Protein backbone atom coordinates (compact mmCIF):
# COMPACT_ATOMS: atom_id res chain seq x y z
CA UNK A 1 -133.98 6.31 123.29
CA UNK A 2 -131.42 4.83 126.12
CA UNK A 3 -131.53 6.33 129.83
CA UNK A 4 -128.81 4.67 132.42
CA UNK A 5 -130.50 5.71 136.22
CA UNK A 6 -127.85 5.02 138.73
CA UNK A 7 -125.85 1.92 137.09
CA UNK A 8 -123.49 0.11 139.84
CA UNK A 9 -121.91 -3.06 138.96
CA UNK A 10 -120.04 -4.73 141.89
CA UNK A 11 -118.18 -7.65 142.22
CA UNK A 12 -116.37 -9.69 144.88
CA UNK A 13 -112.52 -9.92 144.88
CA UNK A 14 -110.40 -12.87 143.84
CA UNK A 15 -110.74 -13.25 148.10
CA UNK A 16 -113.96 -13.21 148.66
CA UNK A 17 -113.38 -10.57 151.21
CA UNK A 18 -114.11 -7.59 149.48
CA UNK A 19 -116.08 -6.05 146.45
CA UNK A 20 -115.23 -3.25 143.85
CA UNK A 21 -117.19 -1.02 141.31
CA UNK A 22 -116.40 -1.57 137.61
CA UNK A 23 -119.52 1.25 137.39
CA UNK A 24 -120.83 3.28 140.07
CA UNK A 25 -123.73 5.45 139.92
CA UNK A 26 -123.67 5.81 136.21
CA UNK A 27 -126.17 7.93 134.71
CA UNK A 28 -126.46 8.52 131.04
CA UNK A 29 -128.73 9.56 128.41
CA UNK A 30 -128.51 8.94 124.99
CA UNK A 31 -131.07 10.53 122.65
CA UNK A 32 -132.88 8.44 119.29
CA UNK A 33 -130.64 9.02 116.25
CA UNK A 34 -127.61 9.81 117.66
CA UNK A 35 -123.81 8.52 117.62
CA UNK A 36 -122.95 8.84 121.24
CA UNK A 37 -119.27 7.91 122.55
CA UNK A 38 -118.54 6.47 125.76
CA UNK A 39 -114.29 6.67 126.24
CA UNK A 40 -111.53 5.97 128.54
CA UNK A 41 -108.52 3.79 129.70
CA UNK A 42 -108.44 0.15 130.12
CA UNK A 43 -110.29 -0.83 132.72
CA UNK A 44 -112.41 2.43 132.80
CA UNK A 45 -115.79 0.30 133.43
CA UNK A 46 -116.69 1.59 129.46
CA UNK A 47 -117.29 -2.23 128.38
CA UNK A 48 -119.03 -3.20 131.35
CA UNK A 49 -121.30 -0.20 131.00
CA UNK A 50 -122.35 -1.03 127.43
CA UNK A 51 -123.01 -4.58 128.40
CA UNK A 52 -125.72 -3.34 130.52
CA UNK A 53 -127.28 -1.43 128.11
CA UNK A 54 -129.12 -5.43 126.81
CA UNK A 55 -128.61 -6.39 129.97
CA UNK A 56 -125.30 -9.04 128.81
CA UNK A 57 -124.25 -7.71 132.31
CA UNK A 58 -127.26 -7.06 135.38
CA UNK A 59 -126.34 -4.12 137.30
CA UNK A 60 -125.95 -4.52 140.85
CA UNK A 61 -128.68 -1.47 141.35
CA UNK A 62 -129.85 1.27 138.59
CA UNK A 63 -132.60 0.82 136.05
CA UNK A 64 -131.78 0.44 132.51
CA UNK A 65 -134.56 2.26 129.67
CA UNK A 66 -134.64 1.39 126.51
CA UNK A 67 -137.32 2.91 124.39
CA UNK A 68 -139.41 3.49 127.31
CA UNK A 69 -139.37 0.55 128.27
CA UNK A 70 -137.70 -0.94 131.92
CA UNK A 71 -135.21 -3.61 130.76
CA UNK A 72 -134.37 -4.70 134.42
CA UNK A 73 -138.03 -5.20 135.77
CA UNK A 74 -138.60 -7.78 132.13
CA UNK A 75 -138.74 -11.27 132.67
CA UNK A 76 -136.30 -13.48 130.40
CA UNK A 77 -138.77 -13.98 127.77
CA UNK A 78 -139.69 -10.17 127.17
CA UNK A 79 -135.45 -9.36 127.52
CA UNK A 80 -134.79 -11.95 124.52
CA UNK A 81 -137.15 -10.16 122.73
CA UNK A 82 -136.20 -6.36 123.79
CA UNK A 83 -132.74 -8.09 122.99
CA UNK A 84 -133.50 -8.21 118.79
CA UNK A 85 -133.67 -4.42 119.03
CA UNK A 86 -130.45 -3.50 120.25
CA UNK A 87 -127.37 -5.16 118.00
CA UNK A 88 -123.72 -5.09 118.89
CA UNK A 89 -120.66 -4.98 116.96
CA UNK A 90 -117.42 -6.60 119.52
CA UNK A 91 -113.47 -5.91 118.40
CA UNK A 92 -112.62 -9.85 117.71
CA UNK A 93 -115.94 -10.11 115.45
CA UNK A 94 -116.91 -13.21 117.23
CA UNK A 95 -117.81 -14.96 113.60
CA UNK A 96 -118.09 -18.61 113.14
CA UNK A 97 -115.80 -19.80 110.97
CA UNK A 98 -117.80 -22.50 109.62
CA UNK A 99 -120.47 -20.45 107.92
CA UNK A 100 -119.76 -17.95 105.16
CA UNK A 101 -120.20 -14.17 105.02
CA UNK A 102 -123.96 -15.20 104.46
CA UNK A 103 -124.53 -17.88 106.62
CA UNK A 104 -122.85 -15.51 109.49
CA UNK A 105 -125.13 -12.34 108.46
CA UNK A 106 -128.41 -14.68 108.61
CA UNK A 107 -127.30 -16.76 111.91
CA UNK A 108 -129.67 -14.50 114.50
CA UNK A 109 -132.92 -15.32 111.41
CA UNK A 110 -131.97 -18.56 111.33
CA UNK A 111 -132.36 -18.30 115.20
CA UNK A 112 -135.12 -16.58 115.48
CA UNK A 113 -137.07 -18.98 113.16
CA UNK A 114 -137.16 -16.62 109.71
CA UNK A 115 -137.90 -18.75 106.67
CA UNK A 116 -135.15 -18.76 103.69
CA UNK A 117 -137.28 -16.67 101.97
CA UNK A 118 -137.34 -13.98 104.76
CA UNK A 119 -133.81 -14.48 105.47
CA UNK A 120 -132.52 -14.01 101.90
CA UNK A 121 -134.66 -11.06 101.81
CA UNK A 122 -133.22 -9.43 104.75
CA UNK A 123 -129.46 -10.71 104.07
CA UNK A 124 -129.12 -9.51 100.52
CA UNK A 125 -129.69 -5.74 101.02
CA UNK A 126 -127.61 -6.12 104.05
CA UNK A 127 -124.30 -7.59 102.34
CA UNK A 128 -124.95 -4.77 99.48
CA UNK A 129 -125.04 -2.13 102.64
CA UNK A 130 -121.48 -3.05 103.95
CA UNK A 131 -120.23 -3.98 100.76
CA UNK A 132 -119.66 -7.53 101.07
CA UNK A 133 -121.82 -8.77 97.81
CA UNK A 134 -118.97 -10.41 95.97
CA UNK A 135 -117.54 -12.15 99.35
CA UNK A 136 -120.91 -13.67 100.21
CA UNK A 137 -119.63 -17.41 100.06
CA UNK A 138 -116.56 -16.84 101.28
CA UNK A 139 -115.41 -17.53 104.91
CA UNK A 140 -114.02 -15.55 108.17
CA UNK A 141 -110.71 -16.84 107.18
CA UNK A 142 -110.66 -15.73 103.81
CA UNK A 143 -111.33 -11.92 104.92
CA UNK A 144 -109.31 -8.99 105.91
CA UNK A 145 -109.58 -7.57 109.39
CA UNK A 146 -112.07 -4.85 107.73
CA UNK A 147 -114.12 -7.60 105.78
CA UNK A 148 -114.64 -9.62 108.97
CA UNK A 149 -115.71 -6.30 110.66
CA UNK A 150 -118.38 -5.38 108.61
CA UNK A 151 -119.62 -9.02 108.21
CA UNK A 152 -120.06 -8.60 111.75
CA UNK A 153 -121.67 -5.32 111.88
CA UNK A 154 -124.81 -6.69 108.98
CA UNK A 155 -125.36 -9.87 111.53
CA UNK A 156 -125.84 -7.39 114.27
CA UNK A 157 -128.11 -5.11 112.12
CA UNK A 158 -129.92 -7.97 110.83
CA UNK A 159 -132.78 -8.00 113.20
CA UNK A 160 -133.76 -4.38 112.26
CA UNK A 161 -132.10 -3.25 115.54
CA UNK A 162 -133.33 0.24 116.74
CA UNK A 163 -129.82 0.76 118.71
CA UNK A 164 -126.37 -0.17 117.59
CA UNK A 165 -123.79 -0.75 120.44
CA UNK A 166 -120.03 -0.91 119.23
CA UNK A 167 -117.61 -2.08 121.95
CA UNK A 168 -114.48 -1.03 120.49
CA UNK A 169 -115.19 -2.18 117.10
CA UNK A 170 -112.08 -0.39 115.92
CA UNK A 171 -109.32 -1.07 117.70
CA UNK A 172 -108.64 -3.97 116.24
CA UNK A 173 -107.94 -2.45 112.55
CA UNK A 174 -105.47 -0.31 110.89
CA UNK A 175 -106.03 3.35 110.16
CA UNK A 176 -107.30 3.32 106.68
CA UNK A 177 -109.85 0.28 107.85
CA UNK A 178 -110.54 2.37 111.29
CA UNK A 179 -111.45 5.23 108.94
CA UNK A 180 -113.56 3.20 106.01
CA UNK A 181 -115.99 1.18 108.82
CA UNK A 182 -116.14 4.78 110.38
CA UNK A 183 -117.98 6.00 107.40
CA UNK A 184 -119.71 3.18 107.19
CA UNK A 185 -121.75 3.64 110.94
CA UNK A 186 -122.12 6.94 109.98
CA UNK A 187 -124.34 5.96 106.71
CA UNK A 188 -125.86 3.45 108.62
CA UNK A 189 -127.02 6.25 111.72
CA UNK A 190 -128.03 8.65 108.98
CA UNK A 191 -129.74 6.17 106.18
CA UNK A 192 -131.25 3.85 108.95
CA UNK A 193 -131.58 6.14 111.60
CA UNK A 194 -130.11 3.61 114.06
CA UNK A 195 -128.93 4.80 117.41
CA UNK A 196 -125.23 4.15 117.57
CA UNK A 197 -123.01 3.79 121.29
CA UNK A 198 -119.69 3.57 120.89
CA UNK A 199 -117.17 2.35 123.29
CA UNK A 200 -113.68 3.05 122.44
CA UNK A 201 -110.13 4.64 123.74
CA UNK A 202 -109.24 6.00 120.82
CA UNK A 203 -110.03 10.25 120.97
CA UNK A 204 -109.40 10.08 117.11
CA UNK A 205 -113.13 7.76 116.49
CA UNK A 206 -114.78 10.04 119.13
CA UNK A 207 -113.76 12.75 116.92
CA UNK A 208 -114.52 11.44 113.29
CA UNK A 209 -118.03 10.03 114.21
CA UNK A 210 -119.63 10.98 117.69
CA UNK A 211 -121.77 14.07 118.40
CA UNK A 212 -122.25 13.43 122.08
CA UNK A 213 -119.76 12.10 124.46
CA UNK A 214 -118.98 10.96 128.32
CA UNK A 215 -115.06 10.35 129.78
CA UNK A 216 -115.53 7.27 132.29
CA UNK A 217 -112.66 6.75 134.62
CA UNK A 218 -112.83 4.04 137.80
CA UNK A 219 -116.01 3.32 137.04
CA UNK A 220 -117.42 6.71 137.20
CA UNK A 221 -118.64 9.62 134.94
CA UNK A 222 -116.34 12.24 134.88
CA UNK A 223 -117.34 14.26 132.02
CA UNK A 224 -119.25 14.82 129.81
CA UNK A 225 -120.67 16.77 126.42
CA UNK A 226 -120.95 17.38 123.27
CA UNK A 227 -117.93 16.29 121.46
CA UNK A 228 -116.26 19.85 120.07
CA UNK A 229 -116.99 21.44 123.49
CA UNK A 230 -114.98 18.74 125.26
CA UNK A 231 -111.98 19.06 122.96
CA UNK A 232 -112.14 22.57 122.92
CA UNK A 233 -112.23 22.67 126.76
CA UNK A 234 -111.46 19.44 128.65
CA UNK A 235 -112.15 20.01 132.43
CA UNK A 236 -110.89 16.65 133.81
CA UNK A 237 -107.28 15.47 134.18
CA UNK A 238 -108.27 12.26 132.52
CA UNK A 239 -109.63 14.14 129.29
CA UNK A 240 -106.90 16.21 129.09
CA UNK A 241 -104.26 12.82 129.66
CA UNK A 242 -106.61 11.44 126.51
CA UNK A 243 -106.70 14.03 124.44
CA UNK A 244 -103.08 14.08 124.19
CA UNK A 245 -101.39 16.41 121.42
CA UNK A 246 -104.82 18.65 121.29
CA UNK A 247 -104.38 19.41 124.55
CA UNK A 248 -100.42 19.62 124.97
CA UNK A 249 -101.19 22.46 122.11
CA UNK A 250 -103.02 24.36 124.66
CA UNK A 251 -99.90 24.32 127.52
CA UNK A 252 -96.91 26.70 127.53
CA UNK A 253 -93.92 24.11 127.62
CA UNK A 254 -91.76 24.66 130.32
CA UNK A 255 -88.29 25.97 128.26
CA UNK A 256 -90.87 28.83 127.46
CA UNK A 257 -92.36 30.12 130.67
CA UNK A 258 -88.98 32.32 131.90
CA UNK A 259 -89.25 34.34 128.82
CA UNK A 260 -93.25 34.65 128.52
CA UNK A 261 -92.89 36.01 132.54
CA UNK A 262 -90.36 38.05 131.64
CA UNK A 263 -92.56 39.48 128.72
CA UNK A 264 -95.20 39.76 131.18
CA UNK A 265 -93.79 41.24 133.80
CA UNK A 266 -91.47 43.75 132.35
CA UNK A 267 -93.08 46.89 130.35
CA UNK A 268 -91.62 47.58 126.75
CA UNK A 269 -90.35 51.30 125.85
CA UNK A 270 -94.19 52.12 125.62
CA UNK A 271 -95.03 51.23 129.36
CA UNK A 272 -97.22 47.97 127.74
CA UNK A 273 -96.86 44.57 129.40
CA UNK A 274 -97.37 41.79 127.80
CA UNK A 275 -100.43 39.71 128.09
CA UNK A 276 -100.79 35.73 127.62
CA UNK A 277 -103.76 35.28 125.73
CA UNK A 278 -105.46 31.63 124.61
CA UNK A 279 -107.73 31.93 122.01
CA UNK A 280 -110.32 29.16 121.08
CA UNK A 281 -112.02 29.44 117.16
CA UNK A 282 -114.73 26.95 116.66
CA UNK A 283 -116.34 27.00 113.05
CA UNK A 284 -116.25 29.91 110.81
CA UNK A 285 -114.48 31.85 113.26
CA UNK A 286 -111.56 29.67 112.44
CA UNK A 287 -111.48 31.10 109.39
CA UNK A 288 -112.24 34.23 109.73
CA UNK A 289 -108.71 37.28 110.71
CA UNK A 290 -110.14 37.99 113.64
CA UNK A 291 -106.58 38.19 115.50
CA UNK A 292 -105.25 40.70 112.51
CA UNK A 293 -108.25 42.78 112.22
CA UNK A 294 -108.52 43.27 115.94
CA UNK A 295 -104.31 44.19 116.39
CA UNK A 296 -105.25 46.73 113.45
CA UNK A 297 -108.44 48.09 114.80
CA UNK A 298 -107.18 48.72 118.18
CA UNK A 299 -103.13 49.37 117.75
CA UNK A 300 -102.42 46.09 119.17
CA UNK A 301 -98.84 43.98 118.69
CA UNK A 302 -98.98 40.22 119.51
CA UNK A 303 -96.84 37.37 119.14
CA UNK A 304 -98.13 33.60 118.64
CA UNK A 305 -96.67 30.81 120.82
CA UNK A 306 -98.56 27.90 119.83
CA UNK A 307 -101.35 26.78 117.52
CA UNK A 308 -103.45 23.61 115.92
CA UNK A 309 -105.92 23.50 114.46
CA UNK A 310 -108.45 20.40 113.57
CA UNK A 311 -111.67 19.28 112.82
CA UNK A 312 -114.32 17.50 114.73
CA UNK A 313 -117.23 16.09 113.19
CA UNK A 314 -116.94 18.30 109.68
CA UNK A 315 -116.26 21.36 112.21
CA UNK A 316 -112.93 23.45 112.49
CA UNK A 317 -111.75 24.78 115.89
CA UNK A 318 -108.52 25.15 116.89
CA UNK A 319 -106.67 27.17 119.78
CA UNK A 320 -103.92 29.62 119.56
CA UNK A 321 -101.88 31.01 122.61
CA UNK A 322 -100.07 34.87 121.88
CA UNK A 323 -98.35 37.43 123.84
CA UNK A 324 -100.23 40.25 123.29
CA UNK A 325 -99.09 44.00 123.77
CA UNK A 326 -101.11 47.91 123.83
CA UNK A 327 -102.54 50.14 125.59
CA UNK A 328 -104.51 49.14 128.82
CA UNK A 329 -108.03 50.47 127.84
CA UNK A 330 -107.51 49.44 124.11
CA UNK A 331 -106.69 45.86 125.32
CA UNK A 332 -110.24 45.41 127.19
CA UNK A 333 -111.52 46.59 124.35
CA UNK A 334 -109.92 44.18 121.78
CA UNK A 335 -110.57 41.37 123.96
CA UNK A 336 -114.37 42.01 123.76
CA UNK A 337 -114.06 42.64 120.08
CA UNK A 338 -112.40 39.06 119.39
CA UNK A 339 -115.23 37.69 122.07
CA UNK A 340 -117.94 39.35 119.85
CA UNK A 341 -116.42 37.25 116.36
CA UNK A 342 -117.56 34.08 117.95
CA UNK A 343 -113.78 33.53 119.48
CA UNK A 344 -113.23 32.56 123.39
CA UNK A 345 -110.40 34.18 125.12
CA UNK A 346 -108.79 32.88 127.87
CA UNK A 347 -106.11 35.30 129.70
CA UNK A 348 -103.44 33.19 131.32
CA UNK A 349 -101.12 35.19 132.89
CA UNK A 350 -101.85 34.12 136.31
CA UNK A 351 -100.74 30.30 134.96
CA UNK A 352 -97.15 30.74 133.75
């Protein structure tokens, strides 16, 4: 549905003597009907990039393909028509204070020359979809933040877009309103089949709504993949930092390292050394008694050091860091048994 090919956005510095890249050689493919997240810290280039999708920012270099059409090669008149297939919602709503809810949603249709009857047939179902029918005659000043964002979403849908771009659409909302807005976007994706691109710095948003994500830093894509895979095993330090507590639950605190080293290096009364193991559970394996079954089957002992269970896109995932002791041969068989039950196993003896 969306192909960004070698996108770069170059700007002159204030003194005009040099340039910097807000985006640099970015390549992204977004499938039709998916919810794709682009995440990064402030200044990473993600908002610049999303505005390249509808050419509100025309990239300095690269090609933008949407629904098989090259937007970067289009004449202005054709580009204006193509933009009707790409709706956009904003962080600060961008509503006209002098127009009612109904009239704000109707504005794109009015500008396109639709009749009053055509506008009514389109706007009334949209107000029902976003739960604002009873507020249709109110003005933006009379609405909550969440209601304003729903107006923005309805307005973005008024031209029947195939794509919806969301630029930090939940960052100005409280957690409860954010949750309601995300549920609405999932409903729109599910019922209308609209492809959604989410720009955000909030990992909670990504975790709840996106199927795949790309992580940006300094204008470049530094990591990309299915959300569950990125959360389970973040490769880049920036991604790990953004994941915050999810990653801290994977790391041995400094206060524990010395005692962990001692257990690894010094054998117990049976001559068994400890093994530092990190287990990552996804889906049904997160609720199965794999570890206890392993220890019973192979006569192993274990001690839990760290652990966390969370949910991404309705699927459970978790990490568990343990010290495991047992016969060397049994240890190999035990770890193979754990792997055979769909659990990722990492031996960490060399990282403490």
